[in-house]
């Protein structure tokens, strides 16, 4: 069940809790890190029948006392009346949705575990708890990737952002939001940001207990100095390493992973090989963000509804709905309409952020959808190989997309 797009929130929320009552019995799909982050909340509220995971190494084991089974077990035994909460987000959740529909499940019987938790906490406890927020620190990057979802190579000027502004953004966000499961630091190569220690320490010292995890995504081209490594360890930061085969000797994956292990820093690697034959090696081709794509109202609404974005972006006093919208704005490629973002320089209520986070829009989409073809294969069948490097003279958005 989705809220995204054009809907009557008050009617939809009644329908939602009629369908996904806390009194129901639930199957949880996904036993990775996301489940760990939210288990203390949902495990104390919901009756969990069992868990599902496609990882054969987990099948037959238990997690927090709950049996883990293969998807096929769910397909055979609980097709009709069971409610399913999915812990993966973005592309992975969209793939699970497709799998469930293909196997005869009604779309009204499954939803995001994070959305369920957000709605439950708000309506039963008056707590605004969001899934993920990305805090933008820099647009400087060691790579020059064609098709970057934040359009970094095409920005008119890349730069590190002011520390005071970032801290003010953090305070503004937490003045309204009670809890966020994941704080991600982005958008370029954030380990290059000169004030990263200050940002991490500020979040940890002022808001520990109001977030689940701090996440940093790195492209494996830069090994941080010891003082940064010590801070990453102290604040219990999790690292996602994007490994690109296309960058050759510039990839320092072994040195970086050894350093993280030496400092006992939690990390995992996502291999992006940049070939169309490898799973994970494709990115969505978003198109040129500087011009209209001349979509109909229906096409813009479909892009918005089917897009695999999962994190909201916090930058310069505003909350953006997605990576491309924020990236195009930062790069001078797009100027958002006045009401397209949450503006923290104005009075903001919890319900405003809740509706924005869920994707409820009077028009059925955000205006930027006219300039972006969407993330994920459901929204956008056009793809490019991940991590292709542009030459410096190719950094012109009109030359690339025109």
Protein backbone atom coordinates (compact mmCIF):
# COMPACT_ATOMS: atom_id res chain seq x y z
CA UNK A 1 0.00 0.00 0.00
CA UNK A 2 1.42 3.37 -1.07
CA UNK A 3 0.80 6.94 0.01
CA UNK A 4 2.99 8.43 -2.71
CA UNK A 5 1.30 10.78 -5.18
CA UNK A 6 -2.15 12.36 -5.05
CA UNK A 7 -4.33 11.09 -2.20
CA UNK A 8 -6.56 12.23 0.64
CA UNK A 9 -4.30 11.67 3.64
CA UNK A 10 -7.05 11.54 6.27
CA UNK A 11 -8.99 8.90 4.34
CA UNK A 12 -5.86 6.98 3.42
CA UNK A 13 -4.60 6.73 6.98
CA UNK A 14 -7.88 5.16 8.15
CA UNK A 15 -7.68 2.67 5.31
CA UNK A 16 -4.02 2.00 6.10
CA UNK A 17 -4.55 1.05 9.74
CA UNK A 18 -7.67 -0.94 8.87
CA UNK A 19 -5.40 -2.96 6.62
CA UNK A 20 -2.19 -2.87 8.68
CA UNK A 21 -3.48 -2.88 12.24
CA UNK A 22 -0.94 -3.50 15.04
CA UNK A 23 -3.22 -6.41 16.01
CA UNK A 24 -2.43 -8.32 12.79
CA UNK A 25 0.14 -11.08 12.46
CA UNK A 26 3.04 -10.11 10.19
CA UNK A 27 5.77 -11.60 8.05
CA UNK A 28 8.95 -9.52 7.87
CA UNK A 29 10.83 -9.67 4.55
CA UNK A 30 14.52 -8.81 4.88
CA UNK A 31 16.85 -9.74 7.74
CA UNK A 32 19.76 -7.41 7.06
CA UNK A 33 20.97 -4.26 8.76
CA UNK A 34 17.69 -2.41 8.23
CA UNK A 35 15.81 -5.04 10.27
CA UNK A 36 18.33 -4.66 13.09
CA UNK A 37 17.80 -0.89 13.12
CA UNK A 38 14.02 -1.05 13.54
CA UNK A 39 13.53 -4.35 15.39
CA UNK A 40 13.39 -2.83 18.87
CA UNK A 41 10.45 -0.73 17.72
CA UNK A 42 8.45 -3.18 15.63
CA UNK A 43 9.40 -6.27 17.65
CA UNK A 44 7.81 -4.83 20.77
CA UNK A 45 4.59 -3.89 18.97
CA UNK A 46 3.90 -6.51 16.30
CA UNK A 47 3.20 -10.22 16.31
CA UNK A 48 5.83 -11.62 13.93
CA UNK A 49 4.93 -15.00 12.43
CA UNK A 50 8.32 -15.51 10.76
CA UNK A 51 10.90 -13.72 8.61
CA UNK A 52 11.75 -14.13 4.94
CA UNK A 53 15.13 -13.66 3.29
CA UNK A 54 16.50 -14.68 -0.11
CA UNK A 55 19.95 -15.27 1.38
CA UNK A 56 20.30 -19.06 1.59
CA UNK A 57 22.89 -18.71 4.39
CA UNK A 58 20.23 -17.17 6.64
CA UNK A 59 17.42 -19.59 5.79
CA UNK A 60 16.84 -22.13 8.55
CA UNK A 61 18.36 -19.87 11.21
CA UNK A 62 16.65 -17.49 13.63
CA UNK A 63 16.92 -13.75 14.25
CA UNK A 64 15.74 -12.30 17.56
CA UNK A 65 13.93 -15.61 18.08
CA UNK A 66 12.12 -15.44 14.73
CA UNK A 67 12.47 -18.24 12.17
CA UNK A 68 13.98 -17.23 8.79
CA UNK A 69 12.56 -18.99 5.75
CA UNK A 70 12.96 -18.82 1.97
CA UNK A 71 10.53 -16.72 -0.12
CA UNK A 72 9.11 -19.94 -1.56
CA UNK A 73 7.81 -20.90 1.89
CA UNK A 74 5.78 -17.69 1.98
CA UNK A 75 4.50 -18.26 -1.57
CA UNK A 76 3.28 -21.78 -0.69
CA UNK A 77 1.81 -21.22 2.74
CA UNK A 78 0.60 -17.65 3.29
CA UNK A 79 -0.60 -16.20 0.02
CA UNK A 80 -3.97 -14.83 1.09
CA UNK A 81 -4.37 -13.23 4.48
CA UNK A 82 -0.87 -12.52 5.77
CA UNK A 83 0.47 -8.96 6.03
CA UNK A 84 4.05 -8.40 4.88
CA UNK A 85 6.44 -5.63 5.96
CA UNK A 86 9.56 -5.16 3.83
CA UNK A 87 12.75 -3.83 5.46
CA UNK A 88 14.83 -3.26 2.28
CA UNK A 89 14.46 0.14 0.62
CA UNK A 90 14.83 1.66 -2.83
CA UNK A 91 15.59 -0.71 -5.70
CA UNK A 92 15.55 -3.79 -3.48
CA UNK A 93 12.09 -3.04 -2.10
CA UNK A 94 10.72 -2.37 -5.58
CA UNK A 95 12.08 -5.76 -6.68
CA UNK A 96 10.39 -7.51 -3.74
CA UNK A 97 7.10 -5.77 -4.59
CA UNK A 98 7.31 -7.08 -8.14
CA UNK A 99 8.10 -10.60 -6.88
CA UNK A 100 5.10 -10.58 -4.54
CA UNK A 101 2.73 -9.37 -7.25
CA UNK A 102 4.12 -11.94 -9.71
CA UNK A 103 3.38 -14.64 -7.13
CA UNK A 104 -0.24 -13.62 -6.66
CA UNK A 105 -0.09 -11.36 -3.61
CA UNK A 106 -2.44 -8.40 -3.35
CA UNK A 107 -0.65 -5.04 -3.32
CA UNK A 108 -2.79 -3.98 -0.37
CA UNK A 109 -1.22 -6.64 1.85
CA UNK A 110 2.41 -5.49 1.85
CA UNK A 111 4.22 -2.23 2.52
CA UNK A 112 7.53 -0.77 3.66
CA UNK A 113 8.38 -1.60 7.26
CA UNK A 114 9.81 1.89 7.66
CA UNK A 115 6.61 3.53 6.40
CA UNK A 116 4.55 1.37 8.76
CA UNK A 117 6.75 2.35 11.68
CA UNK A 118 6.68 6.05 10.73
CA UNK A 119 2.87 6.07 10.58
CA UNK A 120 2.44 3.99 13.75
CA UNK A 121 4.73 6.20 15.82
CA UNK A 122 3.14 9.41 14.56
CA UNK A 123 -0.48 8.38 15.01
CA UNK A 124 -0.17 6.30 18.18
CA UNK A 125 2.71 8.07 19.96
CA UNK A 126 2.97 11.56 18.35
CA UNK A 127 6.58 10.77 17.43
CA UNK A 128 7.92 11.72 13.99
CA UNK A 129 10.35 8.95 13.03
CA UNK A 130 11.78 8.91 9.51
CA UNK A 131 13.64 6.25 7.56
CA UNK A 132 16.69 8.11 6.25
CA UNK A 133 18.08 11.59 5.77
CA UNK A 134 21.12 12.51 3.68
CA UNK A 135 23.13 15.44 4.99
CA UNK A 136 24.98 17.15 2.15
CA UNK A 137 28.55 18.10 3.08
CA UNK A 138 30.33 18.40 -0.26
CA UNK A 139 29.98 18.06 -4.00
CA UNK A 140 33.71 17.59 -4.55
CA UNK A 141 34.50 14.07 -5.71
CA UNK A 142 37.53 12.06 -6.80
CA UNK A 143 35.52 10.48 -9.63
CA UNK A 144 33.75 11.93 -12.62
CA UNK A 145 30.93 9.46 -13.24
CA UNK A 146 28.66 9.75 -16.23
CA UNK A 147 25.07 9.54 -15.07
CA UNK A 148 25.80 10.39 -11.41
CA UNK A 149 22.37 10.60 -9.77
CA UNK A 150 23.36 13.90 -8.12
CA UNK A 151 24.73 15.23 -11.44
CA UNK A 152 28.03 16.10 -9.70
CA UNK A 153 30.19 16.10 -12.88
CA UNK A 154 27.80 18.57 -14.49
CA UNK A 155 27.63 21.09 -11.65
CA UNK A 156 28.60 24.62 -12.54
CA UNK A 157 30.80 24.68 -9.43
CA UNK A 158 31.66 21.92 -6.97
CA UNK A 159 32.61 22.82 -3.41
CA UNK A 160 32.72 21.96 0.27
CA UNK A 161 29.79 23.46 2.18
CA UNK A 162 30.05 25.73 5.20
CA UNK A 163 30.26 23.89 8.53
CA UNK A 164 28.01 26.40 10.35
CA UNK A 165 25.31 25.94 7.71
CA UNK A 166 25.50 22.16 8.02
CA UNK A 167 25.21 22.33 11.81
CA UNK A 168 22.26 24.69 11.50
CA UNK A 169 20.63 22.22 9.09
CA UNK A 170 21.09 19.42 11.63
CA UNK A 171 19.55 21.50 14.43
CA UNK A 172 16.65 22.63 12.24
CA UNK A 173 15.88 19.05 11.25
CA UNK A 174 15.90 17.71 14.81
CA UNK A 175 13.83 20.65 16.08
CA UNK A 176 10.88 18.98 14.31
CA UNK A 177 11.87 15.34 13.71
CA UNK A 178 12.11 13.12 16.79
CA UNK A 179 14.07 10.21 15.31
CA UNK A 180 15.67 9.09 12.04
CA UNK A 181 16.83 5.54 11.42
CA UNK A 182 19.82 6.44 9.22
CA UNK A 183 21.79 9.65 8.77
CA UNK A 184 23.84 9.42 5.57
CA UNK A 185 26.64 11.86 4.85
CA UNK A 186 26.97 12.76 1.12
CA UNK A 187 27.01 13.75 -1.78
CA UNK A 188 30.48 13.77 -3.38
CA UNK A 189 33.39 11.90 -1.76
CA UNK A 190 32.49 12.89 1.79
CA UNK A 191 35.71 11.50 3.31
CA UNK A 192 37.42 14.48 1.64
CA UNK A 193 35.29 16.99 3.55
CA UNK A 194 37.71 18.97 5.76
CA UNK A 195 35.23 19.28 8.66
CA UNK A 196 33.97 15.70 8.68
CA UNK A 197 35.24 15.13 12.22
CA UNK A 198 33.34 18.20 13.44
CA UNK A 199 30.11 17.06 11.75
CA UNK A 200 30.34 13.51 13.10
CA UNK A 201 31.18 14.68 16.62
CA UNK A 202 28.33 17.22 16.59
CA UNK A 203 25.74 14.64 15.56
CA UNK A 204 27.04 12.07 18.04
CA UNK A 205 27.39 14.41 21.00
CA UNK A 206 24.12 16.30 20.52
CA UNK A 207 21.72 13.76 19.01
CA UNK A 208 22.86 10.29 20.06
CA UNK A 209 19.70 8.33 20.82
CA UNK A 210 17.73 10.20 18.15
CA UNK A 211 19.14 8.26 15.21
CA UNK A 212 19.84 4.60 14.53
CA UNK A 213 22.98 4.64 12.37
CA UNK A 214 25.37 7.08 10.76
CA UNK A 215 26.30 5.97 7.25
CA UNK A 216 29.05 7.19 4.92
CA UNK A 217 29.24 6.12 1.29
CA UNK A 218 32.74 6.17 -0.23
CA UNK A 219 34.06 5.31 -3.68
CA UNK A 220 37.24 3.57 -2.43
CA UNK A 221 39.65 6.11 -3.91
CA UNK A 222 40.69 7.77 -0.65
CA UNK A 223 42.01 6.34 2.62
CA UNK A 224 41.30 8.73 5.53
CA UNK A 225 43.94 9.85 7.99
CA UNK A 226 44.12 8.28 11.47
CA UNK A 227 42.20 11.10 13.22
CA UNK A 228 39.24 10.57 10.89
CA UNK A 229 39.41 6.79 11.34
CA UNK A 230 39.41 7.22 15.11
CA UNK A 231 36.32 9.44 14.90
CA UNK A 232 34.52 6.98 12.62
CA UNK A 233 35.16 4.29 15.20
CA UNK A 234 34.15 6.46 18.17
CA UNK A 235 30.79 7.47 16.72
CA UNK A 236 30.13 3.90 15.49
CA UNK A 237 29.82 4.95 11.86
CA UNK A 238 28.93 2.36 9.20
CA UNK A 239 30.68 2.58 5.82
CA UNK A 240 29.36 1.49 2.43
CA UNK A 241 32.14 1.13 -0.12
CA UNK A 242 31.16 1.44 -3.77
CA UNK A 243 33.74 -0.54 -5.75
CA UNK A 244 34.08 0.44 -9.41
CA UNK A 245 36.04 -1.84 -11.70
CA UNK A 246 36.09 0.93 -14.32
CA UNK A 247 38.52 3.14 -12.35
CA UNK A 248 41.33 0.58 -12.36
CA UNK A 249 44.35 1.37 -10.17
CA UNK A 250 42.63 4.38 -8.61
CA UNK A 251 40.53 1.92 -6.59
CA UNK A 252 42.08 1.46 -3.13
CA UNK A 253 39.57 -1.10 -1.91
CA UNK A 254 42.12 -3.37 -0.22
CA UNK A 255 43.96 -0.57 1.60
CA UNK A 256 40.65 0.97 2.65
CA UNK A 257 39.06 -2.24 3.89
CA UNK A 258 42.24 -3.18 5.77
CA UNK A 259 42.21 0.23 7.45
CA UNK A 260 38.58 -0.14 8.48
CA UNK A 261 39.28 -3.59 9.90
CA UNK A 262 42.30 -2.29 11.78
CA UNK A 263 40.15 0.38 13.44
CA UNK A 264 37.19 -2.03 13.94
CA UNK A 265 34.91 0.07 11.76
CA UNK A 266 31.82 -1.65 10.39
CA UNK A 267 31.70 -1.65 6.58
CA UNK A 268 30.35 -3.51 3.58
CA UNK A 269 31.24 -3.42 -0.10
CA UNK A 270 28.90 -2.96 -3.05
CA UNK A 271 30.53 -3.98 -6.31
CA UNK A 272 29.55 -1.85 -9.30
CA UNK A 273 31.38 -3.33 -12.24
CA UNK A 274 30.07 -1.02 -14.90
CA UNK A 275 29.14 -3.65 -17.46
CA UNK A 276 25.66 -4.52 -18.62
CA UNK A 277 26.19 -8.21 -17.90
CA UNK A 278 26.84 -7.79 -14.20
CA UNK A 279 24.11 -7.47 -11.59
CA UNK A 280 24.50 -4.13 -9.87
CA UNK A 281 26.45 -2.73 -12.80
CA UNK A 282 23.67 -0.54 -14.19
CA UNK A 283 22.48 2.92 -13.28
CA UNK A 284 19.28 4.62 -14.38
CA UNK A 285 19.78 7.14 -17.18
CA UNK A 286 17.96 10.13 -15.68
CA UNK A 287 18.26 12.46 -18.66
CA UNK A 288 19.09 16.17 -18.77
CA UNK A 289 17.90 17.97 -15.61
CA UNK A 290 18.33 21.44 -17.07
CA UNK A 291 15.42 21.19 -19.52
CA UNK A 292 11.83 19.98 -19.53
CA UNK A 293 11.28 16.41 -20.71
CA UNK A 294 7.84 17.47 -21.97
CA UNK A 295 5.97 14.86 -19.95
CA UNK A 296 2.21 14.70 -19.62
CA UNK A 297 0.61 15.00 -16.18
CA UNK A 298 0.11 11.23 -16.17
CA UNK A 299 3.74 10.56 -17.10
CA UNK A 300 5.05 12.80 -14.31
CA UNK A 301 2.76 11.09 -11.78
CA UNK A 302 3.91 7.64 -12.92
CA UNK A 303 7.57 8.64 -12.66
CA UNK A 304 6.98 9.87 -9.12
CA UNK A 305 4.96 6.84 -8.04
CA UNK A 306 7.39 4.26 -9.42
CA UNK A 307 10.69 5.96 -8.58
CA UNK A 308 12.99 4.01 -6.25
CA UNK A 309 14.24 6.98 -4.21
CA UNK A 310 14.35 6.31 -0.48
CA UNK A 311 16.24 9.15 1.24
CA UNK A 312 15.30 12.78 1.71
CA UNK A 313 18.13 15.32 1.38
CA UNK A 314 18.96 18.09 3.83
CA UNK A 315 20.83 21.05 2.38
CA UNK A 316 21.07 24.79 3.02
CA UNK A 317 17.92 25.10 5.11
CA UNK A 318 15.72 22.93 2.91
CA UNK A 319 14.55 19.34 2.84
CA UNK A 320 14.61 17.92 -0.70
CA UNK A 321 12.59 14.91 -1.78
CA UNK A 322 15.33 13.06 -3.68
CA UNK A 323 18.96 12.92 -4.79
CA UNK A 324 18.47 14.19 -8.36
CA UNK A 325 16.28 17.12 -7.28
CA UNK A 326 18.81 18.22 -4.66
CA UNK A 327 21.83 17.55 -6.89
CA UNK A 328 20.43 19.54 -9.81
CA UNK A 329 19.63 22.45 -7.46
CA UNK A 330 23.11 22.46 -5.92
CA UNK A 331 24.69 22.33 -9.35
CA UNK A 332 22.80 25.32 -10.71
CA UNK A 333 20.92 23.12 -13.18
CA UNK A 334 17.48 23.57 -11.63
CA UNK A 335 15.60 26.10 -9.53
CA UNK A 336 12.90 24.49 -7.35
CA UNK A 337 9.47 26.03 -7.13
CA UNK A 338 8.67 27.84 -3.88
CA UNK A 339 6.66 25.00 -2.32
CA UNK A 340 8.65 22.12 -3.83
CA UNK A 341 10.81 21.60 -0.72
CA UNK A 342 10.35 21.85 3.03
CA UNK A 343 11.78 25.24 3.99
CA UNK A 344 13.14 25.29 7.55
CA UNK A 345 13.44 29.08 7.51
CA UNK A 346 9.63 29.09 7.81
CA UNK A 347 7.41 27.48 10.49
CA UNK A 348 7.29 23.71 9.90
CA UNK A 349 4.98 21.20 11.58
CA UNK A 350 5.50 17.48 12.01
CA UNK A 351 2.57 16.69 9.72
CA UNK A 352 4.18 18.77 6.93
CA UNK A 353 7.33 16.66 7.01
CA UNK A 354 5.38 13.41 7.41
CA UNK A 355 3.33 14.04 4.28
CA UNK A 356 6.38 15.20 2.33
CA UNK A 357 8.38 12.17 3.45
CA UNK A 358 5.58 9.82 2.36
CA UNK A 359 5.39 11.50 -1.04
CA UNK A 360 1.93 13.00 -0.75
CA UNK A 361 1.67 15.74 -3.39
CA UNK A 362 -1.49 17.60 -4.49
CA UNK A 363 -0.42 17.29 -8.13
CA UNK A 364 0.66 13.66 -7.78
CA UNK A 365 4.35 14.47 -8.30
CA UNK A 366 7.05 17.03 -7.54
CA UNK A 367 7.78 19.54 -10.33
CA UNK A 368 11.29 18.13 -10.83
CA UNK A 369 9.73 14.92 -12.20
CA UNK A 370 9.36 16.80 -15.48
CA UNK A 371 13.17 16.92 -15.72
CA UNK A 372 14.05 13.44 -14.47
CA UNK A 373 13.06 10.03 -15.83
CA UNK A 374 13.30 8.30 -12.44
CA UNK A 375 15.45 5.85 -10.53
CA UNK A 376 14.97 2.10 -10.85
CA UNK A 377 13.84 -0.15 -13.66
CA UNK A 378 10.15 0.14 -12.75
CA UNK A 379 10.15 3.89 -13.30
CA UNK A 380 12.78 4.07 -16.00
CA UNK A 381 13.93 1.30 -18.37
CA UNK A 382 16.81 3.41 -19.72
CA UNK A 383 20.14 2.43 -18.19
CA UNK A 384 23.85 3.17 -18.44
CA UNK A 385 26.86 1.25 -17.18
CA UNK A 386 27.83 2.25 -13.64
CA UNK A 387 30.97 4.26 -12.99
CA UNK A 388 31.90 5.29 -16.54
CA UNK A 389 34.43 8.11 -16.22
CA UNK A 390 34.03 11.32 -18.18
CA UNK A 391 36.90 13.35 -19.49
CA UNK A 392 37.02 16.84 -18.03
CA UNK A 393 35.94 18.45 -21.29
CA UNK A 394 32.88 16.17 -21.32
CA UNK A 395 31.45 17.74 -18.18
CA UNK A 396 28.96 19.85 -20.10
CA UNK A 397 25.40 18.73 -19.45
CA UNK A 398 24.16 19.95 -22.83
CA UNK A 399 26.95 18.12 -24.66
CA UNK A 400 26.24 14.88 -22.78
CA UNK A 401 22.46 14.88 -23.00
CA UNK A 402 21.86 17.11 -26.00
